[in-house]
């Protein structure tokens, strides 16, 4: 086989994968270069599993006023319902979750927390030992194994982690504070699941458990974990509010919740604009603030995180203690939950328009979407700029996807990219074939659009990275 024949076969194979026909020689050469770059795992729209819901042009779309995020996540192929209250995270959705997990892992590492993974099933005997087996009611999902022992699909792991500490039996004072966390699927048999991942029967949560020797030490740990939560939420960039919460069935005497204010929220938050106090209405039935006497303002909130100072409720039940001098001292315990799939849903609800998804930039499925020109169009000779833009983004370690469906118009692809909500779109359009080529850059989160040269694009993404670094420095 000659070199020309091999090139033709390679470009033909790439064309079949991309569902396009390539006749233009320059375009074929550019696509051949792109095919060689496949070893770099370039993400291409033609290969993406994103089952977008397509509506006929004449269809009248009725918006669900209750939750635009739920509708858009379904319509744009980010999630898919499997069963009532249970959803599949499709590739774009899983990328978002992966990015969020990376942010959480970084902050957990900064406070010395160690990651682990507990079994999803917990013995009901452990829950019976603390009395929560009967307290939790029908939301607790139970099953029996072949030995007729009752197991629980765990919504939380206070009993399991404390039992583990007891079984290890050799926690030394020098190891304290001991902070152990996991990121895993949790279950709750909701009577009325609603709005997709907001209140589902199966969800992904980060749960951390801390063990200290004294209540004073436990309070210090409590403050450090809460600061880590502030860092995580500041990095994400969606305004949030810290609220005094009700310990409820978890126990303890101190609890703080983290909320996004949104109309789809299920909690009523009482806020005092005068002294800055925020409290869950379940903790206070007054209309005025005890601290300053001013009237509360009511907001609907979505709880995305919760911190509890538990004391020794669980450690006493399981005899989890540390030997100090001539006595055994029960560990002082804290637990800290962060609902990852719920956070994603609430953030999208707040940022999105009724027509288009919008993501916090740091957890968007891809930061940049590149739109090359349509095949056989006047602009097709500019296709080679795709390689230059890819090299620039690779150098800056910015993730991207190329909409290589060049059988479609730029307008159609631009519509899909805007609706999916990639923060930055780079369009190689009509201005790219000028003597001094310019490229369209769409900054969706800031609703800005401009034309830039390649050098200006480089400067633009340099500044984007600088801004990211400033955010990281501000929260560390």
Protein backbone atom coordinates (compact mmCIF):
# COMPACT_ATOMS: atom_id res chain seq x y z
CA UNK A 1 0.00 0.00 0.00
CA UNK A 2 1.39 3.42 -1.00
CA UNK A 3 1.63 6.37 1.43
CA UNK A 4 -1.14 8.16 -0.47
CA UNK A 5 -3.36 5.09 -0.24
CA UNK A 6 -2.64 4.79 3.47
CA UNK A 7 -3.50 8.50 4.01
CA UNK A 8 -6.72 8.06 2.05
CA UNK A 9 -7.66 5.01 4.10
CA UNK A 10 -6.90 6.84 7.36
CA UNK A 11 -8.94 9.90 6.42
CA UNK A 12 -11.79 7.71 5.17
CA UNK A 13 -11.81 5.80 8.46
CA UNK A 14 -11.89 9.07 10.40
CA UNK A 15 -14.71 10.31 8.19
CA UNK A 16 -16.79 7.25 8.95
CA UNK A 17 -16.23 7.76 12.71
CA UNK A 18 -17.20 11.42 12.44
CA UNK A 19 -20.17 10.79 10.13
CA UNK A 20 -18.80 13.27 7.55
CA UNK A 21 -17.56 13.15 3.94
CA UNK A 22 -14.24 14.84 3.24
CA UNK A 23 -13.30 16.02 -0.26
CA UNK A 24 -11.25 19.13 0.40
CA UNK A 25 -7.55 18.26 0.50
CA UNK A 26 -6.65 20.80 3.19
CA UNK A 27 -9.53 19.65 5.31
CA UNK A 28 -8.54 16.00 4.81
CA UNK A 29 -4.98 16.76 5.93
CA UNK A 30 -6.23 18.54 9.04
CA UNK A 31 -8.53 15.67 9.90
CA UNK A 32 -5.64 13.24 9.38
CA UNK A 33 -3.60 15.24 11.90
CA UNK A 34 -6.53 15.12 14.29
CA UNK A 35 -6.79 11.35 13.84
CA UNK A 36 -3.12 11.06 14.77
CA UNK A 37 -3.90 13.03 17.92
CA UNK A 38 -6.44 10.42 19.00
CA UNK A 39 -3.67 8.82 21.02
CA UNK A 40 -3.91 11.97 23.19
CA UNK A 41 -7.55 11.10 23.88
CA UNK A 42 -8.96 14.20 22.23
CA UNK A 43 -12.61 14.44 23.14
CA UNK A 44 -14.82 14.67 20.05
CA UNK A 45 -18.52 15.44 19.94
CA UNK A 46 -19.08 12.80 17.26
CA UNK A 47 -18.11 10.11 19.76
CA UNK A 48 -19.81 11.58 22.83
CA UNK A 49 -22.70 9.62 24.32
CA UNK A 50 -25.08 12.51 24.90
CA UNK A 51 -28.68 11.55 24.11
CA UNK A 52 -30.13 15.03 23.59
CA UNK A 53 -33.90 15.27 23.51
CA UNK A 54 -34.78 16.75 20.11
CA UNK A 55 -38.03 18.68 19.75
CA UNK A 56 -39.80 19.36 16.42
CA UNK A 57 -39.48 22.95 15.22
CA UNK A 58 -43.20 23.53 15.60
CA UNK A 59 -43.30 22.09 19.13
CA UNK A 60 -44.43 24.39 21.93
CA UNK A 61 -42.13 23.82 24.89
CA UNK A 62 -43.80 24.14 28.27
CA UNK A 63 -41.25 25.08 30.88
CA UNK A 64 -41.44 23.43 34.29
CA UNK A 65 -41.43 26.42 36.61
CA UNK A 66 -40.58 24.16 39.55
CA UNK A 67 -37.10 23.23 38.31
CA UNK A 68 -35.36 24.30 35.12
CA UNK A 69 -32.24 22.33 36.15
CA UNK A 70 -34.10 19.00 36.22
CA UNK A 71 -35.61 19.55 32.77
CA UNK A 72 -32.35 20.75 31.21
CA UNK A 73 -30.21 17.97 32.71
CA UNK A 74 -32.61 15.43 31.20
CA UNK A 75 -33.07 17.21 27.87
CA UNK A 76 -29.35 17.73 27.29
CA UNK A 77 -28.33 14.15 28.06
CA UNK A 78 -26.51 14.78 31.34
CA UNK A 79 -28.66 12.42 33.44
CA UNK A 80 -31.24 9.76 32.66
CA UNK A 81 -33.95 8.34 34.89
CA UNK A 82 -33.52 4.62 35.63
CA UNK A 83 -36.25 4.16 38.25
CA UNK A 84 -38.34 6.56 40.34
CA UNK A 85 -35.84 8.57 42.37
CA UNK A 86 -32.84 6.87 40.73
CA UNK A 87 -30.78 8.40 37.92
CA UNK A 88 -27.94 7.38 35.66
CA UNK A 89 -25.11 9.90 35.43
CA UNK A 90 -24.25 9.94 31.72
CA UNK A 91 -20.69 10.79 30.58
CA UNK A 92 -21.09 14.58 30.87
CA UNK A 93 -22.71 14.23 34.31
CA UNK A 94 -19.99 11.90 35.51
CA UNK A 95 -17.28 14.33 34.39
CA UNK A 96 -18.95 17.03 36.50
CA UNK A 97 -19.01 14.70 39.51
CA UNK A 98 -15.37 13.73 38.98
CA UNK A 99 -14.30 17.39 38.97
CA UNK A 100 -16.25 18.10 42.13
CA UNK A 101 -14.72 15.06 43.84
CA UNK A 102 -11.23 16.33 42.95
CA UNK A 103 -11.98 19.68 44.63
CA UNK A 104 -13.35 17.93 47.73
CA UNK A 105 -10.41 15.50 47.94
CA UNK A 106 -7.95 18.39 47.78
CA UNK A 107 -9.58 20.22 50.68
CA UNK A 108 -9.95 17.06 52.73
CA UNK A 109 -6.25 16.37 52.25
CA UNK A 110 -5.43 19.91 53.42
CA UNK A 111 -7.01 19.24 56.82
CA UNK A 112 -5.44 15.81 57.19
CA UNK A 113 -8.53 13.74 56.44
CA UNK A 114 -7.91 10.22 55.15
CA UNK A 115 -10.07 8.71 52.41
CA UNK A 116 -11.52 5.24 52.73
CA UNK A 117 -14.57 3.23 51.67
CA UNK A 118 -17.04 1.46 53.93
CA UNK A 119 -19.40 -1.29 52.71
CA UNK A 120 -22.72 -0.02 51.37
CA UNK A 121 -24.55 -2.56 53.54
CA UNK A 122 -24.51 -2.13 57.32
CA UNK A 123 -25.79 -4.64 59.86
CA UNK A 124 -29.10 -3.57 61.38
CA UNK A 125 -27.73 -4.75 64.73
CA UNK A 126 -25.42 -1.71 64.78
CA UNK A 127 -28.32 0.67 64.18
CA UNK A 128 -30.36 -1.10 66.85
CA UNK A 129 -27.50 -0.56 69.29
CA UNK A 130 -27.89 3.23 69.02
CA UNK A 131 -31.68 3.19 68.79
CA UNK A 132 -31.80 4.69 65.35
CA UNK A 133 -33.18 1.57 63.68
CA UNK A 134 -36.68 2.38 64.91
CA UNK A 135 -36.24 6.18 64.83
CA UNK A 136 -35.46 6.41 61.13
CA UNK A 137 -38.78 4.93 60.02
CA UNK A 138 -39.67 3.76 56.50
CA UNK A 139 -36.98 5.89 54.78
CA UNK A 140 -34.44 3.27 55.87
CA UNK A 141 -34.03 0.65 53.11
CA UNK A 142 -33.63 -2.82 54.64
CA UNK A 143 -33.07 -6.29 53.24
CA UNK A 144 -32.25 -9.76 54.50
CA UNK A 145 -29.39 -12.01 53.45
CA UNK A 146 -29.54 -15.82 53.09
CA UNK A 147 -28.98 -16.16 56.83
CA UNK A 148 -32.02 -13.97 57.51
CA UNK A 149 -29.86 -11.23 59.02
CA UNK A 150 -31.20 -7.73 58.40
CA UNK A 151 -28.93 -5.35 56.51
CA UNK A 152 -29.36 -1.65 55.76
CA UNK A 153 -28.53 0.26 52.60
CA UNK A 154 -26.87 3.04 54.54
CA UNK A 155 -27.95 6.68 54.29
CA UNK A 156 -25.17 7.58 56.77
CA UNK A 157 -22.39 5.72 58.61
CA UNK A 158 -22.00 6.86 62.23
CA UNK A 159 -22.62 3.35 63.56
CA UNK A 160 -20.41 1.63 60.98
CA UNK A 161 -17.41 3.93 61.46
CA UNK A 162 -17.62 3.82 65.27
CA UNK A 163 -17.86 0.02 65.20
CA UNK A 164 -14.75 -0.03 62.99
CA UNK A 165 -12.83 2.10 65.51
CA UNK A 166 -13.78 -0.30 68.31
CA UNK A 167 -12.74 -3.37 66.31
CA UNK A 168 -9.37 -1.83 65.48
CA UNK A 169 -8.90 -1.25 69.19
CA UNK A 170 -5.53 0.47 69.08
CA UNK A 171 -6.13 4.16 68.35
CA UNK A 172 -3.30 6.09 69.94
CA UNK A 173 -3.48 9.60 71.36
CA UNK A 174 -0.80 10.65 68.86
CA UNK A 175 -3.16 9.75 65.97
CA UNK A 176 -5.76 12.29 67.06
CA UNK A 177 -7.60 14.08 65.67
CA UNK A 178 -8.54 11.17 63.45
CA UNK A 179 -10.49 12.26 60.38
CA UNK A 180 -11.85 9.55 58.09
CA UNK A 181 -14.05 10.22 55.06
CA UNK A 182 -15.56 8.51 52.06
CA UNK A 183 -17.38 9.50 48.88
CA UNK A 184 -20.01 6.93 48.02
CA UNK A 185 -23.60 6.22 47.09
CA UNK A 186 -26.15 6.57 49.88
CA UNK A 187 -29.80 5.49 49.96
CA UNK A 188 -33.02 6.87 51.36
CA UNK A 189 -36.45 5.46 50.49
CA UNK A 190 -38.12 8.79 49.77
CA UNK A 191 -41.92 8.65 49.72
CA UNK A 192 -42.03 11.32 47.02
CA UNK A 193 -38.71 11.70 45.17
CA UNK A 194 -38.66 15.03 43.36
CA UNK A 195 -36.71 17.12 40.89
CA UNK A 196 -34.16 14.53 39.85
CA UNK A 197 -30.99 14.58 41.92
CA UNK A 198 -32.33 17.19 44.34
CA UNK A 199 -34.27 14.67 46.43
CA UNK A 200 -33.62 11.17 45.15
CA UNK A 201 -33.64 7.66 46.57
CA UNK A 202 -30.01 7.13 45.59
CA UNK A 203 -27.43 9.91 45.82
CA UNK A 204 -23.68 10.55 46.10
CA UNK A 205 -22.41 12.08 49.33
CA UNK A 206 -19.11 12.84 51.00
CA UNK A 207 -19.30 11.89 54.69
CA UNK A 208 -16.48 12.56 57.14
CA UNK A 209 -16.19 11.37 60.75
CA UNK A 210 -13.82 12.86 63.31
CA UNK A 211 -12.57 11.49 66.62
CA UNK A 212 -10.99 13.63 69.35
CA UNK A 213 -10.05 13.15 72.98
CA UNK A 214 -11.70 16.25 74.48
CA UNK A 215 -14.67 18.42 73.59
CA UNK A 216 -12.29 21.37 73.19
CA UNK A 217 -10.26 19.44 70.62
CA UNK A 218 -13.47 18.32 68.90
CA UNK A 219 -14.58 21.95 68.56
CA UNK A 220 -11.24 22.82 66.94
CA UNK A 221 -11.72 19.98 64.47
CA UNK A 222 -15.28 21.13 63.86
CA UNK A 223 -13.99 24.59 62.95
CA UNK A 224 -11.31 23.21 60.62
CA UNK A 225 -13.78 21.02 58.71
CA UNK A 226 -16.24 23.90 58.42
CA UNK A 227 -13.44 26.06 57.02
CA UNK A 228 -12.72 23.33 54.46
CA UNK A 229 -16.40 23.44 53.48
CA UNK A 230 -16.16 27.20 53.08
CA UNK A 231 -13.13 26.70 50.84
CA UNK A 232 -14.92 24.13 48.67
CA UNK A 233 -18.02 26.27 48.21
CA UNK A 234 -15.98 29.44 47.62
CA UNK A 235 -14.06 27.61 44.89
CA UNK A 236 -17.31 26.57 43.23
CA UNK A 237 -18.37 30.21 43.31
CA UNK A 238 -22.15 29.99 43.82
CA UNK A 239 -23.25 32.22 46.76
CA UNK A 240 -24.06 30.14 49.83
CA UNK A 241 -25.21 30.74 53.39
CA UNK A 242 -24.16 29.07 56.64
CA UNK A 243 -27.17 28.38 58.85
CA UNK A 244 -27.61 27.26 62.46
CA UNK A 245 -29.29 23.85 62.13
CA UNK A 246 -31.17 21.24 64.11
CA UNK A 247 -29.08 18.15 65.08
CA UNK A 248 -32.24 16.03 64.82
CA UNK A 249 -31.73 12.26 64.80
CA UNK A 250 -27.98 12.65 64.31
CA UNK A 251 -27.61 13.92 67.87
CA UNK A 252 -25.16 16.31 69.47
CA UNK A 253 -25.67 19.89 70.54
CA UNK A 254 -24.15 21.90 67.70
CA UNK A 255 -24.98 21.81 64.01
CA UNK A 256 -24.47 24.05 61.00
CA UNK A 257 -26.03 23.71 57.57
CA UNK A 258 -24.85 25.10 54.24
CA UNK A 259 -27.57 26.32 51.90
CA UNK A 260 -28.02 27.66 48.40
CA UNK A 261 -31.01 29.99 48.35
CA UNK A 262 -33.41 28.84 45.63
CA UNK A 263 -37.15 28.66 45.04
CA UNK A 264 -36.88 24.87 44.67
CA UNK A 265 -35.54 24.59 48.23
CA UNK A 266 -37.48 22.73 50.89
CA UNK A 267 -36.06 24.46 53.97
CA UNK A 268 -37.18 27.85 55.27
CA UNK A 269 -34.20 29.95 56.35
CA UNK A 270 -34.65 32.94 58.66
CA UNK A 271 -32.03 35.62 58.00
CA UNK A 272 -31.34 38.81 59.92
CA UNK A 273 -29.91 41.49 57.64
CA UNK A 274 -28.92 43.55 60.67
CA UNK A 275 -26.67 41.17 62.61
CA UNK A 276 -26.10 38.44 60.02
CA UNK A 277 -27.74 35.59 61.93
CA UNK A 278 -29.12 32.75 59.79
CA UNK A 279 -31.17 29.95 61.32
CA UNK A 280 -33.28 27.09 60.02
CA UNK A 281 -36.95 27.75 60.81
CA UNK A 282 -37.12 24.33 62.50
CA UNK A 283 -34.90 25.84 65.23
CA UNK A 284 -36.84 29.08 65.67
CA UNK A 285 -40.55 29.89 65.40
CA UNK A 286 -40.11 33.59 66.08
CA UNK A 287 -40.44 36.38 63.54
CA UNK A 288 -37.69 38.50 65.09
CA UNK A 289 -34.04 37.86 65.87
CA UNK A 290 -33.20 37.29 69.55
CA UNK A 291 -29.76 38.80 69.00
CA UNK A 292 -30.87 42.27 67.84
CA UNK A 293 -34.67 42.31 67.82
CA UNK A 294 -34.88 42.99 64.09
CA UNK A 295 -37.36 41.16 61.85
CA UNK A 296 -36.22 38.03 60.05
CA UNK A 297 -36.31 37.73 56.26
CA UNK A 298 -37.46 34.35 54.95
CA UNK A 299 -35.67 32.46 52.16
CA UNK A 300 -36.15 29.02 50.66
CA UNK A 301 -32.93 27.04 50.88
CA UNK A 302 -31.44 23.85 49.42
CA UNK A 303 -29.28 22.16 52.04
CA UNK A 304 -26.04 21.02 50.39
CA UNK A 305 -23.90 20.29 53.45
CA UNK A 306 -24.32 19.69 57.17
CA UNK A 307 -21.87 19.58 60.07
CA UNK A 308 -22.63 18.01 63.47
CA UNK A 309 -20.67 18.07 66.72
CA UNK A 310 -21.93 14.74 68.05
CA UNK A 311 -20.17 14.51 71.39
CA UNK A 312 -19.99 10.90 72.64
CA UNK A 313 -23.48 9.68 71.68
CA UNK A 314 -22.12 6.96 69.38
CA UNK A 315 -18.80 6.30 71.07
CA UNK A 316 -20.55 5.55 74.37
CA UNK A 317 -23.00 3.21 72.66
CA UNK A 318 -20.10 1.21 71.19
CA UNK A 319 -17.57 1.71 73.99
CA UNK A 320 -15.19 3.52 71.66
CA UNK A 321 -12.52 5.00 73.89
CA UNK A 322 -8.86 5.80 74.29
CA UNK A 323 -6.69 4.85 77.24
CA UNK A 324 -5.43 8.00 78.99
CA UNK A 325 -3.24 7.49 82.05
CA UNK A 326 -5.32 5.21 84.28
CA UNK A 327 -8.73 5.70 82.66
CA UNK A 328 -10.67 5.12 79.46
CA UNK A 329 -11.97 8.29 77.80
CA UNK A 330 -14.75 8.15 75.23
CA UNK A 331 -13.90 9.79 71.93
CA UNK A 332 -15.63 13.06 71.12
CA UNK A 333 -17.04 12.69 67.65
CA UNK A 334 -18.14 14.88 64.73
CA UNK A 335 -19.75 14.05 61.41
CA UNK A 336 -19.85 16.14 58.26
CA UNK A 337 -21.91 15.49 55.13
CA UNK A 338 -21.64 17.10 51.71
CA UNK A 339 -24.26 16.10 49.13
CA UNK A 340 -22.36 16.10 45.83
CA UNK A 341 -25.17 15.25 43.41
CA UNK A 342 -27.50 17.61 45.27
CA UNK A 343 -24.91 20.41 45.12
CA UNK A 344 -24.54 19.94 41.37
CA UNK A 345 -28.31 20.14 40.86
CA UNK A 346 -28.74 23.21 43.06
CA UNK A 347 -25.82 25.07 41.45
CA UNK A 348 -27.21 24.41 37.96
CA UNK A 349 -30.67 25.53 39.10
CA UNK A 350 -29.29 28.87 40.28
CA UNK A 351 -26.99 29.59 37.32
CA UNK A 352 -28.98 28.29 34.35
CA UNK A 353 -31.45 30.13 32.16
CA UNK A 354 -34.76 28.52 31.20
CA UNK A 355 -33.25 27.55 27.82
CA UNK A 356 -29.61 26.75 28.59
CA UNK A 357 -27.53 24.97 31.20
CA UNK A 358 -24.91 27.00 33.03
CA UNK A 359 -22.21 25.45 35.20
CA UNK A 360 -19.74 26.71 37.79
CA UNK A 361 -16.65 26.93 35.61
CA UNK A 362 -14.54 24.63 37.79
CA UNK A 363 -16.96 21.70 37.49
CA UNK A 364 -18.30 22.19 33.95
CA UNK A 365 -18.11 18.93 31.95
CA UNK A 366 -15.61 20.60 29.58
CA UNK A 367 -14.19 24.08 30.04
CA UNK A 368 -13.95 24.83 26.31
CA UNK A 369 -15.84 23.68 23.22
CA UNK A 370 -14.08 24.23 19.87
CA UNK A 371 -16.25 24.57 16.77
CA UNK A 372 -14.32 24.10 13.49
CA UNK A 373 -15.87 25.35 10.22
CA UNK A 374 -18.44 23.36 8.27
CA UNK A 375 -17.10 21.10 5.53
CA UNK A 376 -17.07 22.58 2.00
CA UNK A 377 -17.91 26.02 3.41
CA UNK A 378 -16.00 29.20 2.54
CA UNK A 379 -14.32 28.94 5.94
CA UNK A 380 -13.20 25.31 5.60
CA UNK A 381 -9.69 26.40 4.61
CA UNK A 382 -9.27 27.67 8.19
CA UNK A 383 -9.73 24.21 9.68
CA UNK A 384 -6.01 23.92 10.42
CA UNK A 385 -6.39 26.51 13.18
CA UNK A 386 -8.11 23.78 15.18
CA UNK A 387 -4.70 22.19 15.76
CA UNK A 388 -3.20 25.48 16.95
CA UNK A 389 -6.04 26.07 19.41
CA UNK A 390 -5.81 22.49 20.66
CA UNK A 391 -2.05 22.85 21.23
CA UNK A 392 -2.61 26.11 23.11
CA UNK A 393 -5.23 24.57 25.43
CA UNK A 394 -3.12 21.45 25.96
CA UNK A 395 -0.17 23.63 26.99
CA UNK A 396 -2.35 25.42 29.54
CA UNK A 397 -3.87 22.17 30.80
CA UNK A 398 -7.40 23.34 29.98
CA UNK A 399 -9.85 20.58 29.13
CA UNK A 400 -11.85 20.88 25.91
CA UNK A 401 -14.08 19.05 23.46
CA UNK A 402 -14.10 19.50 19.69
CA UNK A 403 -17.45 19.54 17.93
CA UNK A 404 -16.15 17.67 14.89
CA UNK A 405 -19.62 17.15 13.39
CA UNK A 406 -18.54 19.30 10.46
CA UNK A 407 -21.41 18.07 8.33
CA UNK A 408 -23.57 20.39 10.48
CA UNK A 409 -23.61 24.18 10.30
CA UNK A 410 -21.75 26.19 12.88
CA UNK A 411 -25.10 27.68 13.92
CA UNK A 412 -26.56 24.29 14.78
CA UNK A 413 -23.47 23.22 16.70
CA UNK A 414 -23.31 26.58 18.46
CA UNK A 415 -26.91 26.09 19.60
CA UNK A 416 -26.08 22.69 21.14
CA UNK A 417 -22.91 24.00 22.81
CA UNK A 418 -24.71 26.97 24.36
CA UNK A 419 -27.54 24.80 25.61
CA UNK A 420 -25.09 22.28 27.13
CA UNK A 421 -23.36 25.19 28.83
CA UNK A 422 -19.62 24.83 28.19
CA UNK A 423 -18.20 28.01 29.79
CA UNK A 424 -16.12 29.00 26.74
CA UNK A 425 -16.84 28.43 23.05
CA UNK A 426 -14.24 29.05 20.34
CA UNK A 427 -15.72 29.36 16.86
CA UNK A 428 -13.52 29.14 13.76
CA UNK A 429 -15.93 31.12 11.59
CA UNK A 430 -16.09 33.65 8.78
CA UNK A 431 -13.47 35.99 10.31
CA UNK A 432 -10.91 33.18 10.42
CA UNK A 433 -10.18 33.42 6.65
CA UNK A 434 -9.20 37.09 6.74
CA UNK A 435 -5.54 38.09 6.21
CA UNK A 436 -5.41 38.64 9.99
CA UNK A 437 -7.64 35.80 11.19
CA UNK A 438 -9.95 36.30 14.15
CA UNK A 439 -11.88 33.72 16.15
CA UNK A 440 -15.14 34.11 18.02
CA UNK A 441 -14.86 33.54 21.77
CA UNK A 442 -18.10 33.17 23.71
CA UNK A 443 -17.85 33.56 27.49
CA UNK A 444 -21.23 32.08 28.40
CA UNK A 445 -21.13 32.59 32.16
CA UNK A 446 -20.51 36.32 31.69
CA UNK A 447 -22.72 36.66 28.57
CA UNK A 448 -19.83 38.15 26.59
CA UNK A 449 -18.79 37.60 22.99
CA UNK A 450 -15.78 38.99 21.13
CA UNK A 451 -13.40 38.33 18.22
CA UNK A 452 -9.78 37.58 19.02
CA UNK A 453 -6.58 36.76 17.20
CA UNK A 454 -4.72 33.60 18.17
CA UNK A 455 -2.31 35.65 20.31
CA UNK A 456 -5.25 37.34 22.03
CA UNK A 457 -6.80 33.93 22.67
CA UNK A 458 -3.56 32.86 24.33
CA UNK A 459 -3.61 35.97 26.54
CA UNK A 460 -7.30 35.43 27.32
CA UNK A 461 -6.77 31.89 28.57
CA UNK A 462 -3.64 32.96 30.44
CA UNK A 463 -5.86 35.34 32.39
CA UNK A 464 -8.47 32.62 32.90
CA UNK A 465 -5.81 30.45 34.50
CA UNK A 466 -4.51 33.35 36.60
CA UNK A 467 -8.04 33.97 37.89
CA UNK A 468 -8.32 30.29 38.83
CA UNK A 469 -5.02 30.45 40.70
CA UNK A 470 -6.14 33.59 42.58
CA UNK A 471 -9.28 31.76 43.68
CA UNK A 472 -7.20 28.80 44.89
CA UNK A 473 -4.81 31.09 46.79
CA UNK A 474 -7.71 32.97 48.38
CA UNK A 475 -9.29 29.83 49.83
CA UNK A 476 -6.17 27.98 51.02
